[in-house]
Amino acid sequence: MAKKRDSLIVASKVKAYIKSKKMMTSKEALEAISEKVYCMLDCASNRTKANRRSTLKAQDL
């Protein structure tokens, strides 16, 4: 079984945003959103390294 990673999102803020859309949020949705953030950051860090920089910038996202 894969090790569960720490969440990178503020669950209450995500839930409030989704609630403003007149919807509910499952625990699995919050976990999936956090995993998407991990993926985005991994891709951005790879792009940063490919450009020989050590500072991740908005353009890397």
N, C-alpha and C. Protein backbone atom coordinates (compact mmCIF):
# COMPACT_ATOMS: atom_id res chain seq x y z
N MET A 1 0.84 -1.18 0.00
CA MET A 1 0.00 0.00 0.00
C MET A 1 0.88 1.24 0.00
N ALA A 2 0.57 2.19 -0.85
CA ALA A 2 1.36 3.41 -0.97
C ALA A 2 1.19 4.29 0.26
N LYS A 3 2.29 4.96 0.62
CA LYS A 3 2.25 5.86 1.77
C LYS A 3 1.42 7.09 1.42
N LYS A 4 0.54 7.45 2.34
CA LYS A 4 -0.32 8.62 2.14
C LYS A 4 0.50 9.88 2.38
N ARG A 5 0.42 10.83 1.45
CA ARG A 5 1.16 12.07 1.57
C ARG A 5 0.34 13.10 2.33
N ASP A 6 1.04 14.09 2.89
CA ASP A 6 0.36 15.19 3.57
C ASP A 6 -0.45 15.99 2.55
N SER A 7 -1.55 16.53 2.99
CA SER A 7 -2.39 17.35 2.12
C SER A 7 -1.72 18.70 1.87
N LEU A 8 -1.82 19.18 0.64
CA LEU A 8 -1.26 20.48 0.27
C LEU A 8 -2.34 21.54 0.11
N ILE A 9 -3.55 21.20 0.52
CA ILE A 9 -4.66 22.15 0.36
C ILE A 9 -5.27 22.46 1.72
N VAL A 10 -5.99 23.56 1.78
CA VAL A 10 -6.75 23.92 2.98
C VAL A 10 -8.17 23.41 2.73
N ALA A 11 -8.48 22.29 3.36
CA ALA A 11 -9.75 21.61 3.10
C ALA A 11 -10.95 22.52 3.33
N SER A 12 -10.93 23.32 4.38
CA SER A 12 -12.07 24.18 4.69
C SER A 12 -12.31 25.21 3.58
N LYS A 13 -11.23 25.71 3.00
CA LYS A 13 -11.35 26.70 1.92
C LYS A 13 -11.90 26.05 0.65
N VAL A 14 -11.42 24.85 0.36
CA VAL A 14 -11.91 24.12 -0.82
C VAL A 14 -13.39 23.78 -0.64
N LYS A 15 -13.74 23.29 0.55
CA LYS A 15 -15.14 22.94 0.82
C LYS A 15 -16.04 24.16 0.72
N ALA A 16 -15.59 25.29 1.24
CA ALA A 16 -16.39 26.52 1.17
C ALA A 16 -16.59 26.96 -0.27
N TYR A 17 -15.55 26.85 -1.08
CA TYR A 17 -15.66 27.23 -2.49
C TYR A 17 -16.66 26.33 -3.21
N ILE A 18 -16.54 25.02 -2.98
CA ILE A 18 -17.45 24.08 -3.63
C ILE A 18 -18.88 24.27 -3.12
N LYS A 19 -19.03 24.56 -1.84
CA LYS A 19 -20.36 24.82 -1.28
C LYS A 19 -20.98 26.06 -1.92
N SER A 20 -20.15 27.07 -2.25
CA SER A 20 -20.67 28.27 -2.91
C SER A 20 -21.22 27.96 -4.30
N LYS A 21 -20.81 26.80 -4.83
CA LYS A 21 -21.33 26.33 -6.13
C LYS A 21 -22.54 25.42 -5.94
N LYS A 22 -23.07 25.40 -4.70
CA LYS A 22 -24.24 24.59 -4.34
C LYS A 22 -23.98 23.09 -4.50
N MET A 23 -22.76 22.67 -4.11
CA MET A 23 -22.38 21.26 -4.19
C MET A 23 -21.75 20.84 -2.87
N MET A 24 -21.59 19.53 -2.67
CA MET A 24 -20.93 19.00 -1.49
C MET A 24 -19.59 18.40 -1.91
N THR A 25 -18.73 18.20 -0.92
CA THR A 25 -17.37 17.70 -1.18
C THR A 25 -17.14 16.40 -0.44
N SER A 26 -16.62 15.40 -1.14
CA SER A 26 -16.27 14.14 -0.49
C SER A 26 -14.81 14.18 -0.04
N LYS A 27 -14.47 13.32 0.90
CA LYS A 27 -13.09 13.22 1.37
C LYS A 27 -12.18 12.82 0.21
N GLU A 28 -12.68 11.93 -0.64
CA GLU A 28 -11.88 11.47 -1.77
C GLU A 28 -11.58 12.61 -2.74
N ALA A 29 -12.52 13.54 -2.88
CA ALA A 29 -12.30 14.69 -3.77
C ALA A 29 -11.17 15.55 -3.23
N LEU A 30 -11.15 15.76 -1.92
CA LEU A 30 -10.08 16.56 -1.32
C LEU A 30 -8.72 15.90 -1.51
N GLU A 31 -8.67 14.59 -1.35
CA GLU A 31 -7.42 13.86 -1.56
C GLU A 31 -6.97 13.95 -3.02
N ALA A 32 -7.92 13.85 -3.95
CA ALA A 32 -7.60 13.94 -5.37
C ALA A 32 -7.09 15.33 -5.74
N ILE A 33 -7.69 16.36 -5.16
CA ILE A 33 -7.25 17.74 -5.42
C ILE A 33 -5.81 17.92 -4.92
N SER A 34 -5.52 17.41 -3.75
CA SER A 34 -4.17 17.51 -3.21
C SER A 34 -3.17 16.77 -4.11
N GLU A 35 -3.55 15.61 -4.60
CA GLU A 35 -2.67 14.85 -5.51
C GLU A 35 -2.42 15.63 -6.80
N LYS A 36 -3.44 16.32 -7.29
CA LYS A 36 -3.27 17.16 -8.49
C LYS A 36 -2.25 18.27 -8.22
N VAL A 37 -2.30 18.84 -7.03
CA VAL A 37 -1.35 19.90 -6.66
C VAL A 37 0.06 19.33 -6.62
N TYR A 38 0.24 18.14 -6.03
CA TYR A 38 1.54 17.48 -6.03
C TYR A 38 2.04 17.31 -7.47
N CYS A 39 1.17 16.84 -8.34
CA CYS A 39 1.54 16.60 -9.74
C CYS A 39 1.95 17.92 -10.42
N MET A 40 1.16 18.98 -10.20
CA MET A 40 1.49 20.28 -10.79
C MET A 40 2.85 20.77 -10.31
N LEU A 41 3.13 20.60 -9.03
CA LEU A 41 4.41 21.06 -8.47
C LEU A 41 5.58 20.22 -8.97
N ASP A 42 5.36 18.92 -9.12
CA ASP A 42 6.41 18.05 -9.67
C ASP A 42 6.75 18.46 -11.09
N CYS A 43 5.73 18.70 -11.91
CA CYS A 43 5.96 19.13 -13.29
C CYS A 43 6.64 20.49 -13.34
N ALA A 44 6.22 21.39 -12.49
CA ALA A 44 6.81 22.73 -12.45
C ALA A 44 8.26 22.67 -12.01
N SER A 45 8.57 21.82 -11.03
CA SER A 45 9.96 21.73 -10.58
C SER A 45 10.84 21.11 -11.66
N ASN A 46 10.31 20.16 -12.41
CA ASN A 46 11.06 19.58 -13.53
C ASN A 46 11.35 20.64 -14.59
N ARG A 47 10.38 21.49 -14.88
CA ARG A 47 10.56 22.56 -15.85
C ARG A 47 11.59 23.56 -15.36
N THR A 48 11.54 23.86 -14.07
CA THR A 48 12.51 24.78 -13.47
C THR A 48 13.93 24.24 -13.61
N LYS A 49 14.11 22.97 -13.30
CA LYS A 49 15.43 22.34 -13.42
C LYS A 49 15.89 22.31 -14.87
N ALA A 50 14.97 22.02 -15.79
CA ALA A 50 15.31 21.97 -17.21
C ALA A 50 15.78 23.33 -17.72
N ASN A 51 15.29 24.39 -17.09
CA ASN A 51 15.70 25.74 -17.46
C ASN A 51 16.87 26.24 -16.61
N ARG A 52 17.52 25.33 -15.91
CA ARG A 52 18.71 25.61 -15.10
C ARG A 52 18.49 26.73 -14.08
N ARG A 53 17.33 26.66 -13.44
CA ARG A 53 17.01 27.62 -12.38
C ARG A 53 16.76 26.85 -11.09
N SER A 54 16.82 27.56 -9.98
CA SER A 54 16.49 26.94 -8.70
C SER A 54 15.26 27.61 -8.08
N THR A 55 14.70 28.58 -8.78
CA THR A 55 13.50 29.27 -8.30
C THR A 55 12.31 28.90 -9.17
N LEU A 56 11.32 28.28 -8.57
CA LEU A 56 10.09 27.94 -9.30
C LEU A 56 9.28 29.21 -9.47
N LYS A 57 8.88 29.50 -10.70
CA LYS A 57 8.14 30.73 -11.01
C LYS A 57 6.74 30.37 -11.52
N ALA A 58 5.89 31.37 -11.55
CA ALA A 58 4.51 31.17 -12.05
C ALA A 58 4.52 30.59 -13.45
N GLN A 59 5.45 31.00 -14.26
CA GLN A 59 5.51 30.51 -15.65
C GLN A 59 5.79 29.01 -15.72
N ASP A 60 6.34 28.44 -14.66
CA ASP A 60 6.60 27.00 -14.63
C ASP A 60 5.35 26.17 -14.41
N LEU A 61 4.33 26.82 -13.89
CA LEU A 61 3.07 26.12 -13.66
C LEU A 61 2.28 26.04 -14.94
